[in-house]
Amino acid sequence: MAAKRLIIAGRVQGIGYRDWLVARAQAAGLSGWVRNRLDGTVEALIAGETAAVEDLVRQCRRGPRMAVVTSIDEDFCDPPAEPGFRSRPTW
């Protein structure tokens, strides 16, 4: 199992990025969460099988149709305590 924390920068708020990520993560059977941050970035914790996590990170570099991703900072982290993938409130 792999777990990564992502900080996604660019035009990633107000265009459905969180909903897009929730749908992709749930379809891949991954656990974790995603939320908007007050600085205009999107933060996500993605956990599951290594290949599925890496595939979703690659998809995050493109994002949904209206997104313009300029950078993704990624770090390994501990997996979430609860199963499933959900959207969290802005932090």
PDB file of N, CA and C in Angstrom:
ATOM      1  N   MET A   1       0.848  -1.189   0.000  1.00  0.00           N
ATOM      2  CA  MET A   1       0.000   0.000   0.000  1.00  0.00           C
ATOM      3  C   MET A   1       0.886   1.242   0.000  1.00  0.00           C
ATOM      4  N   ALA A   2       0.464   2.247  -0.759  1.00  0.00           N
ATOM      5  CA  ALA A   2       1.154   3.535  -0.816  1.00  0.00           C
ATOM      6  C   ALA A   2       0.182   4.623  -0.401  1.00  0.00           C
ATOM      7  N   ALA A   3       0.733   5.689   0.152  1.00  0.00           N
ATOM      8  CA  ALA A   3      -0.074   6.853   0.505  1.00  0.00           C
ATOM      9  C   ALA A   3       0.741   8.096   0.190  1.00  0.00           C
ATOM     10  N   LYS A   4       0.089   9.057  -0.473  1.00  0.00           N
ATOM     11  CA  LYS A   4       0.742  10.308  -0.831  1.00  0.00           C
ATOM     12  C   LYS A   4      -0.148  11.488  -0.489  1.00  0.00           C
ATOM     13  N   ARG A   5       0.508  12.561  -0.062  1.00  0.00           N
ATOM     14  CA  ARG A   5      -0.167  13.838   0.166  1.00  0.00           C
ATOM     15  C   ARG A   5       0.250  14.759  -0.972  1.00  0.00           C
ATOM     16  N   LEU A   6      -0.737  15.351  -1.636  1.00  0.00           N
ATOM     17  CA  LEU A   6      -0.490  16.216  -2.786  1.00  0.00           C
ATOM     18  C   LEU A   6      -0.955  17.636  -2.484  1.00  0.00           C
ATOM     19  N   ILE A   7      -0.175  18.610  -2.954  1.00  0.00           N
ATOM     20  CA  ILE A   7      -0.606  20.006  -2.985  1.00  0.00           C
ATOM     21  C   ILE A   7      -0.594  20.391  -4.463  1.00  0.00           C
ATOM     22  N   ILE A   8      -1.776  20.642  -5.006  1.00  0.00           N
ATOM     23  CA  ILE A   8      -1.952  20.873  -6.444  1.00  0.00           C
ATOM     24  C   ILE A   8      -2.203  22.365  -6.664  1.00  0.00           C
ATOM     25  N   ALA A   9      -1.351  22.992  -7.475  1.00  0.00           N
ATOM     26  CA  ALA A   9      -1.436  24.433  -7.710  1.00  0.00           C
ATOM     27  C   ALA A   9      -1.826  24.718  -9.154  1.00  0.00           C
ATOM     28  N   GLY A  10      -2.360  25.904  -9.373  1.00  0.00           N
ATOM     29  CA  GLY A  10      -2.786  26.341 -10.698  1.00  0.00           C
ATOM     30  C   GLY A  10      -4.228  26.797 -10.639  1.00  0.00           C
ATOM     31  N   ARG A  11      -4.939  26.678 -11.764  1.00  0.00           N
ATOM     32  CA  ARG A  11      -6.374  26.966 -11.765  1.00  0.00           C
ATOM     33  C   ARG A  11      -7.077  25.661 -11.403  1.00  0.00           C
ATOM     34  N   VAL A  12      -7.250  25.453 -10.098  1.00  0.00           N
ATOM     35  CA  VAL A  12      -7.777  24.179  -9.608  1.00  0.00           C
ATOM     36  C   VAL A  12      -8.962  24.354  -8.655  1.00  0.00           C
ATOM     37  N   GLN A  13      -9.370  25.591  -8.413  1.00  0.00           N
ATOM     38  CA  GLN A  13     -10.547  25.831  -7.582  1.00  0.00           C
ATOM     39  C   GLN A  13     -11.639  26.479  -8.428  1.00  0.00           C
ATOM     40  N   GLY A  14     -12.889  26.134  -8.104  1.00  0.00           N
ATOM     41  CA  GLY A  14     -14.025  26.718  -8.806  1.00  0.00           C
ATOM     42  C   GLY A  14     -14.295  26.094 -10.167  1.00  0.00           C
ATOM     43  N   ILE A  15     -13.664  24.951 -10.452  1.00  0.00           N
ATOM     44  CA  ILE A  15     -13.846  24.311 -11.761  1.00  0.00           C
ATOM     45  C   ILE A  15     -14.197  22.819 -11.622  1.00  0.00           C
ATOM     46  N   GLY A  16     -14.507  22.373 -10.392  1.00  0.00           N
ATOM     47  CA  GLY A  16     -14.911  20.984 -10.189  1.00  0.00           C
ATOM     48  C   GLY A  16     -13.770  20.009  -9.966  1.00  0.00           C
ATOM     49  N   TYR A  17     -12.587  20.513  -9.619  1.00  0.00           N
ATOM     50  CA  TYR A  17     -11.438  19.628  -9.432  1.00  0.00           C
ATOM     51  C   TYR A  17     -11.686  18.618  -8.314  1.00  0.00           C
ATOM     52  N   ARG A  18     -12.225  19.075  -7.190  1.00  0.00           N
ATOM     53  CA  ARG A  18     -12.472  18.149  -6.073  1.00  0.00           C
ATOM     54  C   ARG A  18     -13.446  17.045  -6.463  1.00  0.00           C
ATOM     55  N   ASP A  19     -14.563  17.405  -7.081  1.00  0.00           N
ATOM     56  CA  ASP A  19     -15.537  16.390  -7.482  1.00  0.00           C
ATOM     57  C   ASP A  19     -14.922  15.411  -8.481  1.00  0.00           C
ATOM     58  N   TRP A  20     -14.139  15.933  -9.412  1.00  0.00           N
ATOM     59  CA  TRP A  20     -13.446  15.093 -10.396  1.00  0.00           C
ATOM     60  C   TRP A  20     -12.514  14.109  -9.687  1.00  0.00           C
ATOM     61  N   LEU A  21     -11.757  14.600  -8.705  1.00  0.00           N
ATOM     62  CA  LEU A  21     -10.808  13.741  -7.992  1.00  0.00           C
ATOM     63  C   LEU A  21     -11.526  12.690  -7.153  1.00  0.00           C
ATOM     64  N   VAL A  22     -12.611  13.074  -6.501  1.00  0.00           N
ATOM     65  CA  VAL A  22     -13.395  12.111  -5.721  1.00  0.00           C
ATOM     66  C   VAL A  22     -13.890  10.981  -6.632  1.00  0.00           C
ATOM     67  N   ALA A  23     -14.445  11.322  -7.777  1.00  0.00           N
ATOM     68  CA  ALA A  23     -14.965  10.306  -8.699  1.00  0.00           C
ATOM     69  C   ALA A  23     -13.853   9.378  -9.188  1.00  0.00           C
ATOM     70  N   ARG A  24     -12.696   9.939  -9.556  1.00  0.00           N
ATOM     71  CA  ARG A  24     -11.573   9.119 -10.035  1.00  0.00           C
ATOM     72  C   ARG A  24     -11.043   8.208  -8.941  1.00  0.00           C
ATOM     73  N   ALA A  25     -10.884   8.736  -7.741  1.00  0.00           N
ATOM     74  CA  ALA A  25     -10.352   7.950  -6.629  1.00  0.00           C
ATOM     75  C   ALA A  25     -11.314   6.827  -6.242  1.00  0.00           C
ATOM     76  N   GLN A  26     -12.600   7.131  -6.174  1.00  0.00           N
ATOM     77  CA  GLN A  26     -13.578   6.102  -5.826  1.00  0.00           C
ATOM     78  C   GLN A  26     -13.617   5.013  -6.884  1.00  0.00           C
ATOM     79  N   ALA A  27     -13.551   5.384  -8.152  1.00  0.00           N
ATOM     80  CA  ALA A  27     -13.558   4.395  -9.233  1.00  0.00           C
ATOM     81  C   ALA A  27     -12.330   3.486  -9.170  1.00  0.00           C
ATOM     82  N   ALA A  28     -11.215   4.009  -8.665  1.00  0.00           N
ATOM     83  CA  ALA A  28      -9.983   3.224  -8.559  1.00  0.00           C
ATOM     84  C   ALA A  28      -9.893   2.462  -7.238  1.00  0.00           C
ATOM     85  N   GLY A  29     -10.895   2.624  -6.359  1.00  0.00           N
ATOM     86  CA  GLY A  29     -10.892   1.918  -5.081  1.00  0.00           C
ATOM     87  C   GLY A  29      -9.892   2.469  -4.077  1.00  0.00           C
ATOM     88  N   LEU A  30      -9.583   3.762  -4.194  1.00  0.00           N
ATOM     89  CA  LEU A  30      -8.607   4.376  -3.305  1.00  0.00           C
ATOM     90  C   LEU A  30      -9.277   5.005  -2.091  1.00  0.00           C
ATOM     91  N   SER A  31      -8.484   5.207  -1.049  1.00  0.00           N
ATOM     92  CA  SER A  31      -8.956   5.870   0.166  1.00  0.00           C
ATOM     93  C   SER A  31      -8.300   7.237   0.275  1.00  0.00           C
ATOM     94  N   GLY A  32      -8.917   8.113   1.091  1.00  0.00           N
ATOM     95  CA  GLY A  32      -8.324   9.408   1.358  1.00  0.00           C
ATOM     96  C   GLY A  32      -9.330  10.529   1.293  1.00  0.00           C
ATOM     97  N   TRP A  33      -8.845  11.718   0.960  1.00  0.00           N
ATOM     98  CA  TRP A  33      -9.692  12.899   0.936  1.00  0.00           C
ATOM     99  C   TRP A  33      -9.063  13.969   0.054  1.00  0.00           C
ATOM    100  N   VAL A  34      -9.882  14.986  -0.265  1.00  0.00           N
ATOM    101  CA  VAL A  34      -9.430  16.145  -1.034  1.00  0.00           C
ATOM    102  C   VAL A  34     -10.132  17.369  -0.473  1.00  0.00           C
ATOM    103  N   ARG A  35      -9.421  18.520  -0.478  1.00  0.00           N
ATOM    104  CA  ARG A  35     -10.035  19.764  -0.009  1.00  0.00           C
ATOM    105  C   ARG A  35      -9.354  20.957  -0.665  1.00  0.00           C
ATOM    106  N   ASN A  36     -10.123  22.036  -0.794  1.00  0.00           N
ATOM    107  CA  ASN A  36      -9.560  23.309  -1.210  1.00  0.00           C
ATOM    108  C   ASN A  36      -8.815  23.913  -0.030  1.00  0.00           C
ATOM    109  N   ARG A  37      -7.763  24.674  -0.345  1.00  0.00           N
ATOM    110  CA  ARG A  37      -7.031  25.400   0.690  1.00  0.00           C
ATOM    111  C   ARG A  37      -7.221  26.894   0.465  1.00  0.00           C
ATOM    112  N   LEU A  38      -7.118  27.654   1.528  1.00  0.00           N
ATOM    113  CA  LEU A  38      -7.343  29.097   1.454  1.00  0.00           C
ATOM    114  C   LEU A  38      -6.350  29.798   0.529  1.00  0.00           C
ATOM    115  N   ASP A  39      -5.193  29.194   0.283  1.00  0.00           N
ATOM    116  CA  ASP A  39      -4.194  29.813  -0.593  1.00  0.00           C
ATOM    117  C   ASP A  39      -4.459  29.566  -2.075  1.00  0.00           C
ATOM    118  N   GLY A  40      -5.587  28.909  -2.412  1.00  0.00           N
ATOM    119  CA  GLY A  40      -5.953  28.680  -3.812  1.00  0.00           C
ATOM    120  C   GLY A  40      -5.510  27.338  -4.370  1.00  0.00           C
ATOM    121  N   THR A  41      -4.805  26.551  -3.572  1.00  0.00           N
ATOM    122  CA  THR A  41      -4.383  25.215  -4.009  1.00  0.00           C
ATOM    123  C   THR A  41      -5.425  24.188  -3.581  1.00  0.00           C
ATOM    124  N   VAL A  42      -5.242  22.967  -4.062  1.00  0.00           N
ATOM    125  CA  VAL A  42      -6.049  21.824  -3.643  1.00  0.00           C
ATOM    126  C   VAL A  42      -5.104  20.842  -2.962  1.00  0.00           C
ATOM    127  N   GLU A  43      -5.522  20.311  -1.829  1.00  0.00           N
ATOM    128  CA  GLU A  43      -4.732  19.327  -1.082  1.00  0.00           C
ATOM    129  C   GLU A  43      -5.464  17.996  -1.120  1.00  0.00           C
ATOM    130  N   ALA A  44      -4.709  16.913  -1.289  1.00  0.00           N
ATOM    131  CA  ALA A  44      -5.321  15.585  -1.312  1.00  0.00           C
ATOM    132  C   ALA A  44      -4.423  14.579  -0.621  1.00  0.00           C
ATOM    133  N   LEU A  45      -5.024  13.603   0.001  1.00  0.00           N
ATOM    134  CA  LEU A  45      -4.331  12.436   0.527  1.00  0.00           C
ATOM    135  C   LEU A  45      -4.917  11.245  -0.221  1.00  0.00           C
ATOM    136  N   ILE A  46      -4.055  10.501  -0.896  1.00  0.00           N
ATOM    137  CA  ILE A  46      -4.484   9.379  -1.735  1.00  0.00           C
ATOM    138  C   ILE A  46      -3.767   8.127  -1.251  1.00  0.00           C
ATOM    139  N   ALA A  47      -4.517   7.055  -0.973  1.00  0.00           N
ATOM    140  CA  ALA A  47      -3.904   5.830  -0.468  1.00  0.00           C
ATOM    141  C   ALA A  47      -4.539   4.607  -1.110  1.00  0.00           C
ATOM    142  N   GLY A  48      -3.716   3.594  -1.334  1.00  0.00           N
ATOM    143  CA  GLY A  48      -4.184   2.339  -1.905  1.00  0.00           C
ATOM    144  C   GLY A  48      -3.046   1.600  -2.555  1.00  0.00           C
ATOM    145  N   GLU A  49      -3.379   0.729  -3.492  1.00  0.00           N
ATOM    146  CA  GLU A  49      -2.349  -0.014  -4.214  1.00  0.00           C
ATOM    147  C   GLU A  49      -1.426   0.966  -4.933  1.00  0.00           C
ATOM    148  N   THR A  50      -0.134   0.698  -4.892  1.00  0.00           N
ATOM    149  CA  THR A  50       0.872   1.618  -5.423  1.00  0.00           C
ATOM    150  C   THR A  50       0.591   2.029  -6.866  1.00  0.00           C
ATOM    151  N   ALA A  51       0.282   1.078  -7.725  1.00  0.00           N
ATOM    152  CA  ALA A  51       0.044   1.394  -9.140  1.00  0.00           C
ATOM    153  C   ALA A  51      -1.161   2.314  -9.298  1.00  0.00           C
ATOM    154  N   ALA A  52      -2.213   2.092  -8.523  1.00  0.00           N
ATOM    155  CA  ALA A  52      -3.410   2.930  -8.618  1.00  0.00           C
ATOM    156  C   ALA A  52      -3.132   4.340  -8.102  1.00  0.00           C
ATOM    157  N   VAL A  53      -2.360   4.456  -7.028  1.00  0.00           N
ATOM    158  CA  VAL A  53      -2.004   5.775  -6.493  1.00  0.00           C
ATOM    159  C   VAL A  53      -1.191   6.543  -7.527  1.00  0.00           C
ATOM    160  N   GLU A  54      -0.183   5.902  -8.094  1.00  0.00           N
ATOM    161  CA  GLU A  54       0.672   6.573  -9.086  1.00  0.00           C
ATOM    162  C   GLU A  54      -0.125   6.967 -10.337  1.00  0.00           C
ATOM    163  N   ASP A  55      -1.062   6.119 -10.751  1.00  0.00           N
ATOM    164  CA  ASP A  55      -1.889   6.452 -11.907  1.00  0.00           C
ATOM    165  C   ASP A  55      -2.742   7.683 -11.623  1.00  0.00           C
ATOM    166  N   LEU A  56      -3.322   7.760 -10.430  1.00  0.00           N
ATOM    167  CA  LEU A  56      -4.144   8.914 -10.096  1.00  0.00           C
ATOM    168  C   LEU A  56      -3.296  10.182  -9.982  1.00  0.00           C
ATOM    169  N   VAL A  57      -2.092  10.077  -9.454  1.00  0.00           N
ATOM    170  CA  VAL A  57      -1.204  11.244  -9.402  1.00  0.00           C
ATOM    171  C   VAL A  57      -0.934  11.747 -10.822  1.00  0.00           C
ATOM    172  N   ARG A  58      -0.705  10.840 -11.755  1.00  0.00           N
ATOM    173  CA  ARG A  58      -0.503  11.239 -13.162  1.00  0.00           C
ATOM    174  C   ARG A  58      -1.747  11.947 -13.711  1.00  0.00           C
ATOM    175  N   GLN A  59      -2.921  11.411 -13.406  1.00  0.00           N
ATOM    176  CA  GLN A  59      -4.158  12.052 -13.873  1.00  0.00           C
ATOM    177  C   GLN A  59      -4.341  13.436 -13.259  1.00  0.00           C
ATOM    178  N   CYS A  60      -3.899  13.601 -12.005  1.00  0.00           N
ATOM    179  CA  CYS A  60      -4.017  14.896 -11.330  1.00  0.00           C
ATOM    180  C   CYS A  60      -3.190  15.967 -12.020  1.00  0.00           C
ATOM    181  N   ARG A  61      -2.140  15.585 -12.719  1.00  0.00           N
ATOM    182  CA  ARG A  61      -1.312  16.570 -13.432  1.00  0.00           C
ATOM    183  C   ARG A  61      -2.087  17.225 -14.578  1.00  0.00           C
ATOM    184  N   ARG A  62      -3.097  16.529 -15.099  1.00  0.00           N
ATOM    185  CA  ARG A  62      -3.975  17.091 -16.129  1.00  0.00           C
ATOM    186  C   ARG A  62      -5.231  17.677 -15.501  1.00  0.00           C
ATOM    187  N   GLY A  63      -5.849  16.928 -14.598  1.00  0.00           N
ATOM    188  CA  GLY A  63      -7.070  17.375 -13.943  1.00  0.00           C
ATOM    189  C   GLY A  63      -8.262  17.333 -14.878  1.00  0.00           C
ATOM    190  N   PRO A  64      -9.384  17.897 -14.440  1.00  0.00           N
ATOM    191  CA  PRO A  64     -10.569  17.960 -15.291  1.00  0.00           C
ATOM    192  C   PRO A  64     -10.361  18.971 -16.419  1.00  0.00           C
ATOM    193  N   ARG A  65     -11.298  19.024 -17.312  1.00  0.00           N
ATOM    194  CA  ARG A  65     -11.185  19.802 -18.551  1.00  0.00           C
ATOM    195  C   ARG A  65     -10.811  21.266 -18.336  1.00  0.00           C
ATOM    196  N   MET A  66     -11.356  21.942 -17.364  1.00  0.00           N
ATOM    197  CA  MET A  66     -11.117  23.378 -17.160  1.00  0.00           C
ATOM    198  C   MET A  66      -9.873  23.670 -16.311  1.00  0.00           C
ATOM    199  N   ALA A  67      -9.238  22.652 -15.767  1.00  0.00           N
ATOM    200  CA  ALA A  67      -8.081  22.858 -14.883  1.00  0.00           C
ATOM    201  C   ALA A  67      -6.832  23.235 -15.677  1.00  0.00           C
ATOM    202  N   VAL A  68      -5.993  24.023 -15.023  1.00  0.00           N
ATOM    203  CA  VAL A  68      -4.648  24.307 -15.512  1.00  0.00           C
ATOM    204  C   VAL A  68      -3.720  24.050 -14.333  1.00  0.00           C
ATOM    205  N   VAL A  69      -3.131  22.868 -14.276  1.00  0.00           N
ATOM    206  CA  VAL A  69      -2.260  22.488 -13.173  1.00  0.00           C
ATOM    207  C   VAL A  69      -0.854  22.983 -13.485  1.00  0.00           C
ATOM    208  N   THR A  70      -0.307  23.815 -12.579  1.00  0.00           N
ATOM    209  CA  THR A  70       1.040  24.349 -12.788  1.00  0.00           C
ATOM    210  C   THR A  70       2.093  23.564 -12.015  1.00  0.00           C
ATOM    211  N   SER A  71       1.701  22.951 -10.900  1.00  0.00           N
ATOM    212  CA  SER A  71       2.652  22.131 -10.141  1.00  0.00           C
ATOM    213  C   SER A  71       1.909  21.234  -9.162  1.00  0.00           C
ATOM    214  N   ILE A  72       2.586  20.140  -8.812  1.00  0.00           N
ATOM    215  CA  ILE A  72       2.098  19.254  -7.755  1.00  0.00           C
ATOM    216  C   ILE A  72       3.279  18.927  -6.859  1.00  0.00           C
ATOM    217  N   ASP A  73       3.157  19.286  -5.575  1.00  0.00           N
ATOM    218  CA  ASP A  73       4.133  18.862  -4.574  1.00  0.00           C
ATOM    219  C   ASP A  73       3.585  17.577  -3.976  1.00  0.00           C
ATOM    220  N   GLU A  74       4.407  16.537  -3.944  1.00  0.00           N
ATOM    221  CA  GLU A  74       3.936  15.266  -3.391  1.00  0.00           C
ATOM    222  C   GLU A  74       4.920  14.732  -2.369  1.00  0.00           C
ATOM    223  N   ASP A  75       4.368  14.168  -1.304  1.00  0.00           N
ATOM    224  CA  ASP A  75       5.144  13.561  -0.228  1.00  0.00           C
ATOM    225  C   ASP A  75       4.477  12.256   0.167  1.00  0.00           C
ATOM    226  N   PHE A  76       5.285  11.287   0.573  1.00  0.00           N
ATOM    227  CA  PHE A  76       4.730  10.064   1.142  1.00  0.00           C
ATOM    228  C   PHE A  76       4.186  10.392   2.525  1.00  0.00           C
ATOM    229  N   CYS A  77       3.129   9.702   2.923  1.00  0.00           N
ATOM    230  CA  CYS A  77       2.514   9.945   4.223  1.00  0.00           C
ATOM    231  C   CYS A  77       1.862   8.665   4.726  1.00  0.00           C
ATOM    232  N   ASP A  78       1.295   8.742   5.914  1.00  0.00           N
ATOM    233  CA  ASP A  78       0.552   7.615   6.468  1.00  0.00           C
ATOM    234  C   ASP A  78      -0.817   7.548   5.804  1.00  0.00           C
ATOM    235  N   PRO A  79      -1.343   6.353   5.588  1.00  0.00           N
ATOM    236  CA  PRO A  79      -2.687   6.240   5.001  1.00  0.00           C
ATOM    237  C   PRO A  79      -3.746   6.752   5.974  1.00  0.00           C
ATOM    238  N   PRO A  80      -4.916   7.111   5.452  1.00  0.00           N
ATOM    239  CA  PRO A  80      -5.989   7.595   6.333  1.00  0.00           C
ATOM    240  C   PRO A  80      -6.497   6.472   7.223  1.00  0.00           C
ATOM    241  N   ALA A  81      -7.066   6.856   8.360  1.00  0.00           N
ATOM    242  CA  ALA A  81      -7.577   5.874   9.323  1.00  0.00           C
ATOM    243  C   ALA A  81      -8.870   5.216   8.841  1.00  0.00           C
ATOM    244  N   GLU A  82      -9.618   5.912   7.977  1.00  0.00           N
ATOM    245  CA  GLU A  82     -10.911   5.380   7.545  1.00  0.00           C
ATOM    246  C   GLU A  82     -10.897   5.059   6.050  1.00  0.00           C
ATOM    247  N   PRO A  83     -11.657   4.061   5.646  1.00  0.00           N
ATOM    248  CA  PRO A  83     -11.720   3.708   4.221  1.00  0.00           C
ATOM    249  C   PRO A  83     -12.588   4.701   3.446  1.00  0.00           C
ATOM    250  N   GLY A  84     -12.505   4.634   2.143  1.00  0.00           N
ATOM    251  CA  GLY A  84     -13.319   5.487   1.281  1.00  0.00           C
ATOM    252  C   GLY A  84     -12.589   6.770   0.937  1.00  0.00           C
ATOM    253  N   PHE A  85     -13.123   7.473  -0.052  1.00  0.00           N
ATOM    254  CA  PHE A  85     -12.528   8.740  -0.493  1.00  0.00           C
ATOM    255  C   PHE A  85     -13.610   9.792  -0.496  1.00  0.00           C
ATOM    256  N   ARG A  86     -13.328  10.954   0.109  1.00  0.00           N
ATOM    257  CA  ARG A  86     -14.359  11.991   0.252  1.00  0.00           C
ATOM    258  C   ARG A  86     -13.756  13.384   0.120  1.00  0.00           C
ATOM    259  N   SER A  87     -14.637  14.342  -0.047  1.00  0.00           N
ATOM    260  CA  SER A  87     -14.272  15.738  -0.081  1.00  0.00           C
ATOM    261  C   SER A  87     -14.397  16.310   1.314  1.00  0.00           C
ATOM    262  N   ARG A  88     -13.423  17.121   1.707  1.00  0.00           N
ATOM    263  CA  ARG A  88     -13.444  17.771   3.019  1.00  0.00           C
ATOM    264  C   ARG A  88     -13.657  19.271   2.839  1.00  0.00           C
ATOM    265  N   PRO A  89     -14.062  19.949   3.926  1.00  0.00           N
ATOM    266  CA  PRO A  89     -14.248  21.407   3.842  1.00  0.00           C
ATOM    267  C   PRO A  89     -12.912  22.118   3.607  1.00  0.00           C
ATOM    268  N   THR A  90     -12.996  23.323   3.081  1.00  0.00           N
ATOM    269  CA  THR A  90     -11.815  24.157   2.856  1.00  0.00           C
ATOM    270  C   THR A  90     -11.072  24.370   4.160  1.00  0.00           C
ATOM    271  N   TRP A  91      -9.745  24.387   4.030  1.00  0.00           N
ATOM    272  CA  TRP A  91      -8.895  24.568   5.217  1.00  0.00           C
ATOM    273  C   TRP A  91      -7.899  25.650   4.987  1.00  0.00           C
TER     274      TRP A  91
END
